[in-house]
Amino acid sequence: MDLRDLAYFEVIADLGHLGRAAERLGRTQPALTKCIQRLEASVGAELFARSSRGLALTQVGEVLLARARRMRTAMDEALREVSDFAAGAAGHVRIGTGATMAEYLLPQVCRALIAAAPAVTVELQIGMSGVLRTALRDNQLDLIIGPVLASDHDEFAHVTFGTDDVVVVAARGHPLCGRPLSIEDLVKWKWVLPAKSVAMRQWLDTVFQAHGLPGPAVQIETNSITMLPRLIGETDLLSFTSTRNLLPDRLGGRLERLGLDATTMRRPLGCVYRREGYLSPAALRVVTLLQTQGSMLLSPDPSPSSARAAAQDGRVTA
């Protein structure tokens, strides 16, 4: 089985159309047809079924696609490992994180990392939890820094270094502020929340359901968590956000936490990565840094000297 045929097969499977795949790859359609025929001869079964919409993978094709992607990931990681070794460099690390951690933790992490390894290069991707985990599976990221989800325990490796409380908030002066509340008091108000695919939104919906209540009435849905405090501060909408956003000098300076324990979500913070994936020297530095010094870096305003101390700690090595 030819590796180039597998690479072409991936593109054809992703696009579901031989003509578009030929344009993408700069090959002719007959050449790609022969590629598929060679692969089908190797596995002894058809890989595609033709339909009015184009090409659809058969069950055998689905299995081969999963294996082909796994092989490509292994080859990419082997090349990165050999290149890092040959260059003798600190390496390159691709980090994914949510908006809150990007603003309140990543600066300290990057400062300590660069102090320890000035030649390191860093690629940051900010996104929602589902998007980041898809990128991690597809080898587009080395690490995710942020909340560790329950599903991560089965699929990924991780280290934890702290906790984060997510609470219901409203603008200062909101009618619900400053008085005892029950979860029923929240039902009549409208909300600004992330999409239902986001873990914290799912948790909140589940709490409402457990109390026999309809889910929060969402008036504004957004994929930008950092927009939420501003949106809430200008309206009577409720929302659900990290307590790290409520410090006076941060985005939530105009917001107030509502006194309701039933809707307080305590989530572990950590670093998530593929169990069998290659970690460059730079990525290993980040994992070790968070494992040994993460709680210090998570403090509201760690000083530059503290970050340098973390970087110089003998335990933070590649």
Foldseek 3Di string as FASTA:
>chain_A
DDLVLLVLLLLCAVVLALVVSCVVVVHDSVVNVVSQVVVCVVVVHHQWDQDPVHTHGDPVVVVSNVVSLVVVQVVVQVVQQVVCVVVVALHEFEEEEEPVCVVFFVVLLVLLLCLLHVRYHYHYDYFAPVVVVVCQVSVVHFKYWWFDDPVLVVFWDKAFQFKWKKFKKAFPPQPQPPDDDDPVVQAVAAAEEEDCVGPLQVVQCVLCVVVVHHGHHYPHYDGHLLCRLVVRNVDGHMYIGICLQCPCVHSNVRMDGGPYPSSMDMTTTIMIGHPPGRDRSSRQLSRQLCNVCVNVSNPRDRDSVVSNCSSPPPRRGD
